[in-house]
C-alpha cells in the first residue's frame, strides 16, 4: 500500500512538471527503504535558510547545469518560475549572463561555479555571502549546491541520464552556458 501511495505522489510530479520519474519509480519498486532515504535527502535539497529565492535558485540551477542534466535543469527552472523568480533572471542564470543579473544573484552564480570547480577564489565570495546572509545563508547555498548535484549523478548511475538540452523559460528555449 505504501508503494502505491508513493507512486501516486511520483505520478503527480510527472504530470505537473512533465518530468520523467522512472528512475524514482525504479528505486521505489526495487528498495522501499532506499526510496524512503531518498525522500529524506530531498528535505536537505529544499532548505532555503535566509537566502532570497532568486539567489537560491541561482545556486540550484547552476549546480544542475554544471552536471549536464537537461531534464533536472528544466524541473528547477519550472520550480523557480512557480516560486515567482522573474523569467529574465532565470534566463540570465541559464545563460550565465552575469551582467543581466542582480548583483547578489550574480555573486551566487559565480560562487557556485567556483565551488564546483574547487577554485580558491570561492573563499572571497564566501565572505561576501556571509556578509549578506550570514552562516545560515551560506549553509542554505551549500545545501543547494551539493544536493542538486546528486540528482543528475543518481539518474546517470541508474541509466536515466540525458545530455544537456535547451531549457525553456516561459516558452522560450535557451542553450545553457557553462563558462
Protein backbone atom coordinates (compact mmCIF):
# COMPACT_ATOMS: atom_id res chain seq x y z
CA UNK A 1 0.00 0.00 0.00
CA UNK A 2 2.80 2.46 0.84
CA UNK A 3 4.45 1.82 -2.53
CA UNK A 4 1.13 2.54 -4.23
CA UNK A 5 0.75 5.87 -2.39
CA UNK A 6 4.35 6.89 -3.03
CA UNK A 7 3.98 6.01 -6.70
CA UNK A 8 0.86 8.20 -6.89
CA UNK A 9 2.98 11.04 -5.50
CA UNK A 10 5.54 10.43 -8.25
CA UNK A 11 2.86 10.36 -10.93
CA UNK A 12 1.59 13.72 -9.67
CA UNK A 13 5.11 15.12 -10.01
CA UNK A 14 5.36 13.66 -13.51
CA UNK A 15 2.08 15.17 -14.63
CA UNK A 16 2.56 18.57 -13.02
CA UNK A 17 6.06 19.20 -14.35
CA UNK A 18 6.27 16.83 -17.34
CA UNK A 19 9.25 15.23 -15.59
CA UNK A 20 10.42 11.66 -16.12
CA UNK A 21 10.11 9.94 -12.73
CA UNK A 22 11.01 6.42 -13.92
CA UNK A 23 14.33 6.45 -12.05
CA UNK A 24 12.46 7.20 -8.82
CA UNK A 25 9.86 4.54 -9.59
CA UNK A 26 12.65 2.02 -10.14
CA UNK A 27 14.13 2.85 -6.74
CA UNK A 28 10.69 2.62 -5.13
CA UNK A 29 9.95 -0.79 -6.66
CA UNK A 30 13.39 -2.28 -6.00
CA UNK A 31 14.08 -1.00 -2.50
CA UNK A 32 11.48 0.78 -0.37
CA UNK A 33 14.00 1.66 2.34
CA UNK A 34 16.31 3.24 -0.25
CA UNK A 35 13.40 5.27 -1.62
CA UNK A 36 12.47 6.48 1.86
CA UNK A 37 16.07 7.58 2.37
CA UNK A 38 15.91 9.39 -0.97
CA UNK A 39 12.80 11.25 0.20
CA UNK A 40 14.62 12.16 3.40
CA UNK A 41 17.51 13.52 1.37
CA UNK A 42 15.11 15.77 -0.51
CA UNK A 43 14.39 17.72 2.65
CA UNK A 44 18.02 18.89 2.52
CA UNK A 45 17.68 19.97 -1.09
CA UNK A 46 14.65 22.14 -0.34
CA UNK A 47 16.21 24.03 2.59
CA UNK A 48 16.25 27.78 1.91
CA UNK A 49 17.52 29.45 5.07
CA UNK A 50 17.71 33.22 4.82
CA UNK A 51 18.61 33.32 1.11
CA UNK A 52 16.23 35.10 -1.30
CA UNK A 53 14.57 32.79 -3.79
CA UNK A 54 16.30 34.19 -6.88
CA UNK A 55 19.73 33.63 -5.32
CA UNK A 56 18.76 30.19 -4.02
CA UNK A 57 17.54 29.08 -7.43
CA UNK A 58 20.70 30.53 -8.97
CA UNK A 59 22.70 28.02 -6.92
CA UNK A 60 20.34 25.15 -7.68
CA UNK A 61 20.11 25.76 -11.42
CA UNK A 62 23.84 26.47 -11.76
CA UNK A 63 24.71 23.22 -9.97
CA UNK A 64 22.38 21.24 -12.22
CA UNK A 65 23.74 22.83 -15.39
CA UNK A 66 27.28 22.02 -14.23
CA UNK A 67 26.28 18.37 -14.01
CA UNK A 68 24.80 18.46 -17.54
CA UNK A 69 21.27 17.30 -16.89
CA UNK A 70 18.65 18.91 -19.11
CA UNK A 71 15.50 17.40 -17.52
CA UNK A 72 16.65 18.21 -13.97
CA UNK A 73 17.58 21.74 -15.01
CA UNK A 74 14.19 22.18 -16.62
CA UNK A 75 12.46 21.00 -13.45
CA UNK A 76 14.45 23.53 -11.38
CA UNK A 77 13.55 26.28 -13.86
CA UNK A 78 9.88 25.33 -13.63
CA UNK A 79 10.05 25.33 -9.83
CA UNK A 80 11.77 28.74 -9.87
CA UNK A 81 9.06 30.16 -12.12
CA UNK A 82 6.38 28.67 -9.89
CA UNK A 83 8.08 30.25 -6.84
CA UNK A 84 7.94 33.66 -8.51
CA UNK A 85 11.50 34.14 -9.73
CA UNK A 86 11.45 36.51 -12.71
CA UNK A 87 11.80 34.77 -16.09
CA UNK A 88 14.51 37.26 -17.14
CA UNK A 89 16.52 36.33 -14.04
CA UNK A 90 16.17 32.63 -14.76
CA UNK A 91 17.17 33.15 -18.39
CA UNK A 92 20.27 35.08 -17.31
CA UNK A 93 21.19 32.31 -14.83
CA UNK A 94 20.83 29.64 -17.53
CA UNK A 95 22.90 31.67 -19.98
CA UNK A 96 25.37 32.84 -17.31
CA UNK A 97 24.71 36.42 -18.35
CA UNK A 98 26.05 37.90 -15.14
CA UNK A 99 25.63 41.48 -16.32
CA UNK A 100 21.88 40.91 -16.60
CA UNK A 101 21.59 39.59 -13.04
CA UNK A 102 21.10 41.47 -9.80
CA UNK A 103 24.45 41.75 -8.00
CA UNK A 104 23.57 39.22 -5.29
CA UNK A 105 22.35 36.65 -7.80
CA UNK A 106 25.47 37.09 -9.96
CA UNK A 107 27.52 36.57 -6.79
CA UNK A 108 25.80 33.23 -6.18
CA UNK A 109 26.23 32.09 -9.80
CA UNK A 110 29.94 32.93 -9.60
CA UNK A 111 30.32 31.33 -6.18
CA UNK A 112 28.58 28.15 -7.34
CA UNK A 113 30.85 27.83 -10.36
CA UNK A 114 33.97 28.38 -8.26
CA UNK A 115 32.84 25.87 -5.63
CA UNK A 116 32.02 23.23 -8.23
CA UNK A 117 35.43 23.65 -9.87
CA UNK A 118 37.15 23.86 -6.46
CA UNK A 119 38.76 27.21 -7.15
CA UNK A 120 40.31 29.12 -4.23
CA UNK A 121 38.65 32.31 -5.46
CA UNK A 122 35.46 30.97 -3.85
CA UNK A 123 36.88 32.00 -0.45
CA UNK A 124 36.48 35.72 -1.12
CA UNK A 125 32.96 35.25 -2.43
CA UNK A 126 32.11 33.12 0.60
CA UNK A 127 32.92 36.12 2.77
CA UNK A 128 30.56 38.27 0.67
CA UNK A 129 27.82 35.66 1.10
CA UNK A 130 28.40 35.57 4.85
CA UNK A 131 28.13 39.36 4.97
CA UNK A 132 24.82 39.24 3.07
CA UNK A 133 23.04 36.25 4.60
CA UNK A 134 25.17 35.00 7.48
CA UNK A 135 26.10 31.43 8.29
CA UNK A 136 22.52 30.24 7.77
CA UNK A 137 22.54 31.63 4.24
CA UNK A 138 25.88 30.04 3.48
CA UNK A 139 24.58 26.69 4.73
CA UNK A 140 21.45 27.01 2.58
CA UNK A 141 23.59 27.70 -0.50
CA UNK A 142 25.96 24.85 0.37
CA UNK A 143 22.96 22.52 0.67
CA UNK A 144 21.60 23.77 -2.69
CA UNK A 145 24.90 23.35 -4.50
CA UNK A 146 25.77 19.96 -3.09
CA UNK A 147 22.33 18.37 -3.06
CA UNK A 148 21.27 19.45 -6.52
CA UNK A 149 24.35 17.72 -7.93
CA UNK A 150 23.00 14.43 -6.61
CA UNK A 151 20.02 14.23 -8.95
CA UNK A 152 21.95 14.08 -12.25
CA UNK A 153 24.55 11.72 -10.74
CA UNK A 154 21.81 9.43 -9.46
CA UNK A 155 20.00 9.45 -12.79
CA UNK A 156 23.18 8.81 -14.78
CA UNK A 157 24.16 6.00 -12.40
CA UNK A 158 20.80 4.31 -12.89
CA UNK A 159 20.87 4.73 -16.67
CA UNK A 160 18.43 7.63 -16.97
CA UNK A 161 20.86 10.47 -17.65
CA UNK A 162 20.29 12.74 -20.58
CA UNK A 163 22.71 15.17 -22.15
CA UNK A 164 22.17 18.83 -21.52
CA UNK A 165 19.39 20.20 -23.66
CA UNK A 166 17.79 23.55 -24.21
CA UNK A 167 16.00 24.93 -21.19
CA UNK A 168 12.61 26.54 -21.69
CA UNK A 169 11.72 29.68 -19.75
CA UNK A 170 8.21 30.98 -20.44
CA UNK A 171 8.02 29.19 -23.79
CA UNK A 172 11.42 30.45 -24.97
CA UNK A 173 14.24 27.91 -25.33
CA UNK A 174 17.76 28.83 -24.22
CA UNK A 175 21.00 26.96 -24.52
CA UNK A 176 22.78 26.81 -21.17
CA UNK A 177 26.28 28.25 -20.93
CA UNK A 178 28.86 26.51 -18.79
CA UNK A 179 31.73 29.01 -18.82
